[in-house]
Amino acid sequence: MPMKDFQMDIEASFSEGKYQDIVEAKARLTRPEHMLLLGMSYYRLGRLKDALDVFQDISGKIERLSKAYFYMARIYMELEDMDSARSYLERYLSLNPDDDEARDMMEQGPSEEMVIEPSVELARLYAGQGHLEKALEIYKVLIKEGPTEEIRDEALKTQNMYIIRMLEGWLEALKT
């Protein structure tokens, strides 16, 4: 039977309540939507353990593939389509609520292009105000231009503060 006919047959079998036919075709089911129908068929046949196994397999695949939402959000941000970016970030975060980078993107919006001339003083100001990521961006530019020991030391100090803040956030999230 050609693949298209097989797909239509599986969907028709489910619509007609022929759940056992779908279970018997299990070895030939490869598409995610057919695996969903298999899980639903097991459920409707009262085979809860089998249904759970199928749904757990599907959910694992969804979690692994959900990173596509994250990258789509980044692309939409770069294209300055903030509504679409927010929509995809929300989808991604619903599956990955502990992703700090995605939460930061949601809170901060697109990264602003650096218009002001980067300087050690500006980086210090940002760090002093708690804008550690912006300070690190400036230090990165300064290090590329001509690293000095002072710049490297301050960048390392700021990076350590950023890491500590991130770890504290994770710790707080684990407590709740």
N, C-alpha and C. Protein backbone atom coordinates (compact mmCIF):
# COMPACT_ATOMS: atom_id res chain seq x y z
N MET A 1 0.85 -1.18 0.00
CA MET A 1 0.00 0.00 0.00
C MET A 1 0.89 1.24 0.00
N PRO A 2 0.67 2.18 -0.93
CA PRO A 2 1.46 3.41 -0.95
C PRO A 2 1.32 4.17 0.38
N MET A 3 2.38 4.93 0.70
CA MET A 3 2.44 5.63 1.99
C MET A 3 1.25 6.57 2.19
N LYS A 4 0.87 7.31 1.16
CA LYS A 4 -0.24 8.25 1.30
C LYS A 4 -1.53 7.51 1.64
N ASP A 5 -1.77 6.39 0.97
CA ASP A 5 -2.96 5.59 1.26
C ASP A 5 -2.92 5.05 2.68
N PHE A 6 -1.73 4.62 3.10
CA PHE A 6 -1.56 4.10 4.46
C PHE A 6 -1.89 5.18 5.49
N GLN A 7 -1.39 6.40 5.25
CA GLN A 7 -1.66 7.50 6.18
C GLN A 7 -3.15 7.79 6.26
N MET A 8 -3.80 7.84 5.13
CA MET A 8 -5.24 8.11 5.12
C MET A 8 -5.99 6.96 5.79
N ASP A 9 -5.50 5.72 5.60
CA ASP A 9 -6.14 4.55 6.19
C ASP A 9 -6.05 4.61 7.72
N ILE A 10 -4.90 5.02 8.24
CA ILE A 10 -4.73 5.13 9.69
C ILE A 10 -5.68 6.18 10.25
N GLU A 11 -5.73 7.33 9.60
CA GLU A 11 -6.61 8.40 10.06
C GLU A 11 -8.08 7.99 9.96
N ALA A 12 -8.43 7.30 8.89
CA ALA A 12 -9.81 6.83 8.73
C ALA A 12 -10.14 5.78 9.80
N SER A 13 -9.19 4.89 10.07
CA SER A 13 -9.41 3.87 11.10
C SER A 13 -9.68 4.51 12.44
N PHE A 14 -8.93 5.54 12.75
CA PHE A 14 -9.14 6.21 14.04
C PHE A 14 -10.51 6.89 14.07
N SER A 15 -10.85 7.57 12.98
CA SER A 15 -12.15 8.25 12.91
C SER A 15 -13.31 7.27 13.06
N GLU A 16 -13.10 6.07 12.55
CA GLU A 16 -14.15 5.05 12.60
C GLU A 16 -14.12 4.23 13.89
N GLY A 17 -13.17 4.55 14.77
CA GLY A 17 -13.09 3.82 16.04
C GLY A 17 -12.43 2.46 15.93
N LYS A 18 -11.68 2.24 14.87
CA LYS A 18 -10.99 0.96 14.68
C LYS A 18 -9.60 1.03 15.33
N TYR A 19 -9.61 1.15 16.65
CA TYR A 19 -8.37 1.36 17.39
C TYR A 19 -7.45 0.15 17.34
N GLN A 20 -8.03 -1.04 17.34
CA GLN A 20 -7.21 -2.26 17.30
C GLN A 20 -6.44 -2.34 15.97
N ASP A 21 -7.03 -1.88 14.88
CA ASP A 21 -6.33 -1.87 13.59
C ASP A 21 -5.08 -1.00 13.66
N ILE A 22 -5.19 0.11 14.35
CA ILE A 22 -4.04 1.02 14.49
C ILE A 22 -2.96 0.36 15.34
N VAL A 23 -3.36 -0.30 16.42
CA VAL A 23 -2.39 -0.99 17.28
C VAL A 23 -1.67 -2.07 16.48
N GLU A 24 -2.40 -2.78 15.64
CA GLU A 24 -1.80 -3.85 14.84
C GLU A 24 -0.85 -3.29 13.77
N ALA A 25 -1.04 -2.04 13.37
CA ALA A 25 -0.17 -1.41 12.37
C ALA A 25 1.01 -0.68 13.02
N LYS A 26 1.19 -0.85 14.32
CA LYS A 26 2.19 -0.11 15.09
C LYS A 26 3.58 -0.12 14.43
N ALA A 27 4.03 -1.25 13.95
CA ALA A 27 5.37 -1.36 13.38
C ALA A 27 5.55 -0.47 12.15
N ARG A 28 4.47 -0.13 11.48
CA ARG A 28 4.56 0.68 10.27
C ARG A 28 4.36 2.17 10.53
N LEU A 29 4.05 2.53 11.76
CA LEU A 29 3.79 3.94 12.09
C LEU A 29 5.11 4.66 12.33
N THR A 30 5.36 5.69 11.56
CA THR A 30 6.61 6.44 11.71
C THR A 30 6.37 7.93 11.93
N ARG A 31 5.27 8.43 11.47
CA ARG A 31 5.00 9.87 11.59
C ARG A 31 4.52 10.21 13.00
N PRO A 32 4.94 11.36 13.51
CA PRO A 32 4.53 11.73 14.87
C PRO A 32 3.02 11.78 15.07
N GLU A 33 2.29 12.26 14.07
CA GLU A 33 0.83 12.34 14.23
C GLU A 33 0.20 10.95 14.29
N HIS A 34 0.84 9.97 13.63
CA HIS A 34 0.32 8.61 13.71
C HIS A 34 0.65 7.98 15.06
N MET A 35 1.82 8.35 15.61
CA MET A 35 2.16 7.86 16.95
C MET A 35 1.17 8.43 17.97
N LEU A 36 0.74 9.65 17.75
CA LEU A 36 -0.27 10.25 18.62
C LEU A 36 -1.58 9.45 18.53
N LEU A 37 -1.97 9.10 17.31
CA LEU A 37 -3.18 8.28 17.13
C LEU A 37 -3.01 6.91 17.78
N LEU A 38 -1.79 6.36 17.73
CA LEU A 38 -1.53 5.08 18.39
C LEU A 38 -1.72 5.21 19.90
N GLY A 39 -1.14 6.26 20.47
CA GLY A 39 -1.30 6.47 21.91
C GLY A 39 -2.76 6.66 22.30
N MET A 40 -3.47 7.42 21.50
CA MET A 40 -4.90 7.65 21.77
C MET A 40 -5.69 6.35 21.61
N SER A 41 -5.28 5.51 20.65
CA SER A 41 -5.95 4.22 20.46
C SER A 41 -5.73 3.32 21.66
N TYR A 42 -4.47 3.26 22.13
CA TYR A 42 -4.19 2.47 23.34
C TYR A 42 -5.06 2.97 24.50
N TYR A 43 -5.14 4.28 24.64
CA TYR A 43 -5.93 4.87 25.73
C TYR A 43 -7.40 4.45 25.62
N ARG A 44 -7.94 4.55 24.42
CA ARG A 44 -9.36 4.23 24.23
C ARG A 44 -9.64 2.73 24.37
N LEU A 45 -8.58 1.92 24.19
CA LEU A 45 -8.72 0.48 24.40
C LEU A 45 -8.48 0.10 25.86
N GLY A 46 -8.17 1.10 26.69
CA GLY A 46 -7.93 0.83 28.10
C GLY A 46 -6.53 0.33 28.41
N ARG A 47 -5.64 0.41 27.44
CA ARG A 47 -4.24 -0.04 27.64
C ARG A 47 -3.41 1.18 28.06
N LEU A 48 -3.62 1.58 29.30
CA LEU A 48 -3.06 2.83 29.80
C LEU A 48 -1.53 2.83 29.82
N LYS A 49 -0.92 1.72 30.22
CA LYS A 49 0.55 1.65 30.27
C LYS A 49 1.14 1.82 28.87
N ASP A 50 0.56 1.14 27.89
CA ASP A 50 1.03 1.28 26.51
C ASP A 50 0.83 2.71 26.01
N ALA A 51 -0.32 3.30 26.34
CA ALA A 51 -0.59 4.68 25.93
C ALA A 51 0.43 5.62 26.56
N LEU A 52 0.70 5.42 27.84
CA LEU A 52 1.66 6.28 28.53
C LEU A 52 3.05 6.16 27.91
N ASP A 53 3.47 4.95 27.56
CA ASP A 53 4.78 4.77 26.92
C ASP A 53 4.86 5.55 25.61
N VAL A 54 3.82 5.49 24.81
CA VAL A 54 3.80 6.21 23.52
C VAL A 54 3.84 7.72 23.76
N PHE A 55 3.02 8.20 24.70
CA PHE A 55 2.97 9.64 24.96
C PHE A 55 4.28 10.16 25.56
N GLN A 56 4.94 9.35 26.39
CA GLN A 56 6.24 9.77 26.94
C GLN A 56 7.28 9.88 25.83
N ASP A 57 7.25 8.94 24.90
CA ASP A 57 8.18 9.01 23.77
C ASP A 57 7.92 10.27 22.94
N ILE A 58 6.66 10.55 22.68
CA ILE A 58 6.31 11.75 21.90
C ILE A 58 6.74 13.01 22.65
N SER A 59 6.47 13.07 23.95
CA SER A 59 6.81 14.29 24.70
C SER A 59 8.32 14.50 24.75
N GLY A 60 9.10 13.42 24.81
CA GLY A 60 10.56 13.57 24.76
C GLY A 60 11.02 14.18 23.45
N LYS A 61 10.40 13.75 22.36
CA LYS A 61 10.75 14.31 21.05
C LYS A 61 10.35 15.79 20.97
N ILE A 62 9.20 16.11 21.53
CA ILE A 62 8.75 17.51 21.51
C ILE A 62 9.73 18.38 22.27
N GLU A 63 10.16 17.93 23.45
CA GLU A 63 11.10 18.72 24.24
C GLU A 63 12.41 18.93 23.49
N ARG A 64 12.90 17.87 22.83
CA ARG A 64 14.16 18.00 22.09
C ARG A 64 14.03 18.95 20.91
N LEU A 65 12.89 18.95 20.27
CA LEU A 65 12.68 19.78 19.09
C LEU A 65 12.19 21.19 19.42
N SER A 66 11.85 21.43 20.67
CA SER A 66 11.31 22.74 21.05
C SER A 66 12.33 23.86 20.89
N LYS A 67 13.61 23.54 20.78
CA LYS A 67 14.63 24.57 20.59
C LYS A 67 14.37 25.33 19.29
N ALA A 68 13.62 24.74 18.37
CA ALA A 68 13.26 25.44 17.13
C ALA A 68 12.48 26.72 17.46
N TYR A 69 11.60 26.66 18.46
CA TYR A 69 10.86 27.85 18.87
C TYR A 69 11.80 28.95 19.34
N PHE A 70 12.82 28.56 20.09
CA PHE A 70 13.80 29.52 20.61
C PHE A 70 14.50 30.24 19.46
N TYR A 71 14.97 29.47 18.48
CA TYR A 71 15.69 30.08 17.36
C TYR A 71 14.77 30.89 16.46
N MET A 72 13.52 30.46 16.33
CA MET A 72 12.57 31.26 15.56
C MET A 72 12.35 32.60 16.26
N ALA A 73 12.27 32.58 17.58
CA ALA A 73 12.11 33.84 18.33
C ALA A 73 13.31 34.75 18.10
N ARG A 74 14.52 34.19 18.14
CA ARG A 74 15.72 35.00 17.91
C ARG A 74 15.70 35.61 16.51
N ILE A 75 15.32 34.82 15.54
CA ILE A 75 15.27 35.32 14.16
C ILE A 75 14.25 36.44 14.04
N TYR A 76 13.06 36.24 14.60
CA TYR A 76 12.05 37.29 14.54
C TYR A 76 12.51 38.56 15.26
N MET A 77 13.27 38.39 16.34
CA MET A 77 13.82 39.58 17.03
C MET A 77 14.77 40.32 16.10
N GLU A 78 15.62 39.58 15.41
CA GLU A 78 16.56 40.22 14.50
C GLU A 78 15.83 40.88 13.33
N LEU A 79 14.69 40.32 12.96
CA LEU A 79 13.88 40.91 11.89
C LEU A 79 12.96 42.01 12.43
N GLU A 80 13.05 42.26 13.72
CA GLU A 80 12.28 43.29 14.42
C GLU A 80 10.77 43.04 14.38
N ASP A 81 10.39 41.77 14.34
CA ASP A 81 8.98 41.38 14.44
C ASP A 81 8.77 40.87 15.86
N MET A 82 8.55 41.81 16.78
CA MET A 82 8.52 41.48 18.20
C MET A 82 7.30 40.66 18.60
N ASP A 83 6.18 40.83 17.93
CA ASP A 83 4.99 40.04 18.27
C ASP A 83 5.23 38.56 17.98
N SER A 84 5.81 38.27 16.82
CA SER A 84 6.11 36.88 16.49
C SER A 84 7.19 36.33 17.42
N ALA A 85 8.20 37.14 17.70
CA ALA A 85 9.27 36.70 18.60
C ALA A 85 8.70 36.33 19.96
N ARG A 86 7.85 37.18 20.49
CA ARG A 86 7.24 36.92 21.81
C ARG A 86 6.39 35.65 21.77
N SER A 87 5.65 35.46 20.70
CA SER A 87 4.80 34.28 20.57
C SER A 87 5.64 32.99 20.62
N TYR A 88 6.75 32.97 19.88
CA TYR A 88 7.58 31.77 19.87
C TYR A 88 8.34 31.60 21.18
N LEU A 89 8.73 32.69 21.81
CA LEU A 89 9.38 32.58 23.12
C LEU A 89 8.40 32.01 24.15
N GLU A 90 7.16 32.44 24.10
CA GLU A 90 6.15 31.91 25.03
C GLU A 90 5.97 30.41 24.82
N ARG A 91 5.93 29.98 23.57
CA ARG A 91 5.80 28.54 23.29
C ARG A 91 7.01 27.78 23.84
N TYR A 92 8.20 28.33 23.57
CA TYR A 92 9.43 27.67 24.03
C TYR A 92 9.46 27.60 25.55
N LEU A 93 9.14 28.71 26.21
CA LEU A 93 9.19 28.75 27.67
C LEU A 93 8.13 27.86 28.31
N SER A 94 7.02 27.62 27.62
CA SER A 94 6.02 26.71 28.18
C SER A 94 6.57 25.29 28.29
N LEU A 95 7.52 24.96 27.43
CA LEU A 95 8.15 23.63 27.46
C LEU A 95 9.47 23.63 28.21
N ASN A 96 10.10 24.80 28.33
CA ASN A 96 11.41 24.92 28.97
C ASN A 96 11.41 26.10 29.94
N PRO A 97 10.62 26.02 31.00
CA PRO A 97 10.46 27.18 31.89
C PRO A 97 11.73 27.58 32.64
N ASP A 98 12.72 26.71 32.70
CA ASP A 98 13.94 27.01 33.44
C ASP A 98 15.04 27.60 32.58
N ASP A 99 14.77 27.89 31.33
CA ASP A 99 15.79 28.45 30.44
C ASP A 99 15.94 29.95 30.72
N ASP A 100 17.02 30.27 31.44
CA ASP A 100 17.25 31.67 31.84
C ASP A 100 17.48 32.58 30.65
N GLU A 101 18.18 32.09 29.64
CA GLU A 101 18.46 32.93 28.47
C GLU A 101 17.15 33.33 27.78
N ALA A 102 16.24 32.38 27.65
CA ALA A 102 14.96 32.67 27.01
C ALA A 102 14.13 33.63 27.87
N ARG A 103 14.17 33.43 29.19
CA ARG A 103 13.44 34.35 30.08
C ARG A 103 14.01 35.76 29.97
N ASP A 104 15.35 35.85 29.91
CA ASP A 104 15.98 37.16 29.75
C ASP A 104 15.56 37.81 28.44
N MET A 105 15.51 37.03 27.36
CA MET A 105 15.08 37.56 26.07
C MET A 105 13.65 38.09 26.16
N MET A 106 12.81 37.36 26.88
CA MET A 106 11.41 37.75 27.01
C MET A 106 11.30 39.07 27.78
N GLU A 107 12.12 39.22 28.81
CA GLU A 107 12.06 40.42 29.64
C GLU A 107 12.71 41.63 28.97
N GLN A 108 13.82 41.39 28.28
CA GLN A 108 14.61 42.50 27.75
C GLN A 108 14.24 42.90 26.34
N GLY A 109 13.70 41.99 25.58
CA GLY A 109 13.43 42.30 24.18
C GLY A 109 14.71 42.20 23.38
N PRO A 110 14.73 42.83 22.22
CA PRO A 110 15.90 42.70 21.36
C PRO A 110 17.10 43.41 21.95
N SER A 111 18.27 42.88 21.63
CA SER A 111 19.48 43.56 22.10
C SER A 111 19.67 44.82 21.28
N GLU A 112 20.02 45.86 21.97
CA GLU A 112 20.16 47.15 21.30
C GLU A 112 21.55 47.25 20.68
N GLU A 113 21.59 47.81 19.52
CA GLU A 113 22.87 48.04 18.88
C GLU A 113 23.65 49.08 19.67
N MET A 114 24.94 48.86 19.80
CA MET A 114 25.76 49.78 20.55
C MET A 114 26.01 51.03 19.70
N VAL A 115 25.51 52.15 20.17
CA VAL A 115 25.65 53.40 19.45
C VAL A 115 26.74 54.25 20.09
N ILE A 116 26.89 54.13 21.39
CA ILE A 116 27.87 54.92 22.13
C ILE A 116 29.23 54.24 22.01
N GLU A 117 30.26 55.04 21.96
CA GLU A 117 31.63 54.54 21.89
C GLU A 117 31.93 53.73 23.16
N PRO A 118 32.32 52.46 23.00
CA PRO A 118 32.61 51.65 24.19
C PRO A 118 33.84 52.17 24.94
N SER A 119 33.72 52.20 26.25
CA SER A 119 34.84 52.63 27.09
C SER A 119 34.78 51.88 28.41
N VAL A 120 35.91 51.86 29.10
CA VAL A 120 35.98 51.21 30.40
C VAL A 120 35.00 51.88 31.36
N GLU A 121 34.91 53.21 31.28
CA GLU A 121 34.02 53.94 32.17
C GLU A 121 32.56 53.54 31.96
N LEU A 122 32.17 53.41 30.69
CA LEU A 122 30.79 53.03 30.39
C LEU A 122 30.51 51.61 30.91
N ALA A 123 31.46 50.72 30.70
CA ALA A 123 31.30 49.35 31.20
C ALA A 123 31.16 49.35 32.72
N ARG A 124 31.97 50.16 33.39
CA ARG A 124 31.88 50.25 34.86
C ARG A 124 30.50 50.76 35.29
N LEU A 125 30.00 51.78 34.58
CA LEU A 125 28.68 52.33 34.91
C LEU A 125 27.59 51.26 34.77
N TYR A 126 27.61 50.55 33.64
CA TYR A 126 26.62 49.49 33.45
C TYR A 126 26.73 48.44 34.55
N ALA A 127 27.95 48.01 34.85
CA ALA A 127 28.14 46.99 35.89
C ALA A 127 27.65 47.51 37.24
N GLY A 128 27.96 48.75 37.54
CA GLY A 128 27.55 49.34 38.81
C GLY A 128 26.04 49.44 38.95
N GLN A 129 25.34 49.58 37.83
CA GLN A 129 23.88 49.66 37.84
C GLN A 129 23.22 48.28 37.75
N GLY A 130 24.06 47.24 37.67
CA GLY A 130 23.52 45.89 37.60
C GLY A 130 23.24 45.39 36.20
N HIS A 131 23.60 46.16 35.19
CA HIS A 131 23.40 45.74 33.79
C HIS A 131 24.67 45.00 33.34
N LEU A 132 24.84 43.81 33.91
CA LEU A 132 26.08 43.07 33.70
C LEU A 132 26.26 42.60 32.26
N GLU A 133 25.19 42.21 31.61
CA GLU A 133 25.32 41.75 30.22
C GLU A 133 25.81 42.87 29.31
N LYS A 134 25.26 44.07 29.49
CA LYS A 134 25.70 45.20 28.67
C LYS A 134 27.16 45.53 28.97
N ALA A 135 27.52 45.47 30.24
CA ALA A 135 28.92 45.72 30.61
C ALA A 135 29.83 44.69 29.95
N LEU A 136 29.41 43.43 29.96
CA LEU A 136 30.23 42.38 29.34
C LEU A 136 30.35 42.57 27.83
N GLU A 137 29.27 43.04 27.19
CA GLU A 137 29.34 43.33 25.75
C GLU A 137 30.40 44.39 25.47
N ILE A 138 30.44 45.41 26.30
CA ILE A 138 31.42 46.49 26.12
C ILE A 138 32.82 45.96 26.36
N TYR A 139 33.00 45.19 27.43
CA TYR A 139 34.33 44.62 27.69
C TYR A 139 34.79 43.73 26.54
N LYS A 140 33.87 43.01 25.94
CA LYS A 140 34.21 42.14 24.81
C LYS A 140 34.78 42.98 23.66
N VAL A 141 34.12 44.10 23.36
CA VAL A 141 34.60 44.99 22.30
C VAL A 141 35.96 45.56 22.67
N LEU A 142 36.10 46.00 23.91
CA LEU A 142 37.37 46.60 24.36
C LEU A 142 38.51 45.60 24.30
N ILE A 143 38.24 44.37 24.67
CA ILE A 143 39.29 43.34 24.64
C ILE A 143 39.71 43.06 23.20
N LYS A 144 38.76 43.06 22.27
CA LYS A 144 39.10 42.86 20.85
C LYS A 144 39.95 44.01 20.32
N GLU A 145 39.65 45.23 20.78
CA GLU A 145 40.38 46.40 20.29
C GLU A 145 41.81 46.44 20.79
N GLY A 146 42.04 45.99 21.95
CA GLY A 146 43.39 46.01 22.52
C GLY A 146 43.34 45.73 24.00
N PRO A 147 43.44 44.47 24.34
CA PRO A 147 43.28 44.10 25.74
C PRO A 147 44.42 44.63 26.62
N THR A 148 44.02 45.17 27.75
CA THR A 148 45.00 45.54 28.77
C THR A 148 44.69 44.70 30.00
N GLU A 149 45.62 44.65 30.90
CA GLU A 149 45.41 43.86 32.11
C GLU A 149 44.23 44.42 32.91
N GLU A 150 44.10 45.74 32.95
CA GLU A 150 43.00 46.38 33.68
C GLU A 150 41.65 45.96 33.09
N ILE A 151 41.54 45.99 31.77
CA ILE A 151 40.27 45.63 31.12
C ILE A 151 39.95 44.16 31.37
N ARG A 152 40.96 43.31 31.22
CA ARG A 152 40.73 41.87 31.44
C ARG A 152 40.29 41.61 32.88
N ASP A 153 40.94 42.26 33.84
CA ASP A 153 40.58 42.07 35.25
C ASP A 153 39.15 42.52 35.54
N GLU A 154 38.78 43.69 35.02
CA GLU A 154 37.43 44.19 35.25
C GLU A 154 36.38 43.34 34.54
N ALA A 155 36.72 42.88 33.34
CA ALA A 155 35.80 42.01 32.60
C ALA A 155 35.59 40.70 33.36
N LEU A 156 36.67 40.15 33.89
CA LEU A 156 36.57 38.90 34.65
C LEU A 156 35.73 39.11 35.92
N LYS A 157 35.94 40.23 36.59
CA LYS A 157 35.16 40.54 37.80
C LYS A 157 33.67 40.65 37.45
N THR A 158 33.37 41.34 36.36
CA THR A 158 31.98 41.50 35.93
C THR A 158 31.38 40.15 35.53
N GLN A 159 32.17 39.36 34.83
CA GLN A 159 31.69 38.04 34.42
C GLN A 159 31.39 37.17 35.65
N ASN A 160 32.25 37.24 36.65
CA ASN A 160 32.02 36.48 37.88
C ASN A 160 30.73 36.93 38.56
N MET A 161 30.49 38.24 38.58
CA MET A 161 29.26 38.76 39.17
C MET A 161 28.04 38.26 38.39
N TYR A 162 28.16 38.23 37.07
CA TYR A 162 27.07 37.75 36.22
C TYR A 162 26.77 36.27 36.50
N ILE A 163 27.83 35.47 36.61
CA ILE A 163 27.66 34.04 36.89
C ILE A 163 27.03 33.84 38.26
N ILE A 164 27.49 34.60 39.24
CA ILE A 164 26.91 34.49 40.59
C ILE A 164 25.43 34.82 40.56
N ARG A 165 25.07 35.88 39.84
CA ARG A 165 23.66 36.27 39.75
C ARG A 165 22.84 35.16 39.10
N MET A 166 23.38 34.57 38.03
CA MET A 166 22.68 33.50 37.34
C MET A 166 22.51 32.29 38.27
N LEU A 167 23.56 31.92 38.99
CA LEU A 167 23.49 30.78 39.90
C LEU A 167 22.51 31.04 41.03
N GLU A 168 22.49 32.26 41.53
CA GLU A 168 21.53 32.61 42.58
C GLU A 168 20.10 32.49 42.06
N GLY A 169 19.89 32.88 40.81
CA GLY A 169 18.56 32.74 40.20
C GLY A 169 18.16 31.28 40.09
N TRP A 170 19.10 30.45 39.69
CA TRP A 170 18.82 29.01 39.59
C TRP A 170 18.50 28.43 40.96
N LEU A 171 19.30 28.83 41.95
CA LEU A 171 19.09 28.34 43.30
C LEU A 171 17.71 28.73 43.80
N GLU A 172 17.33 29.96 43.55
CA GLU A 172 16.01 30.44 43.96
C GLU A 172 14.91 29.65 43.24
N ALA A 173 15.13 29.37 41.96
CA ALA A 173 14.14 28.60 41.19
C ALA A 173 14.02 27.18 41.74
N LEU A 174 15.13 26.61 42.18
CA LEU A 174 15.10 25.26 42.74
C LEU A 174 14.37 25.22 44.08
N LYS A 175 14.43 26.31 44.82
CA LYS A 175 13.77 26.36 46.13
C LYS A 175 12.25 26.38 45.98
N THR A 176 11.77 26.94 44.86
CA THR A 176 10.32 27.06 44.69
C THR A 176 9.73 25.86 44.02
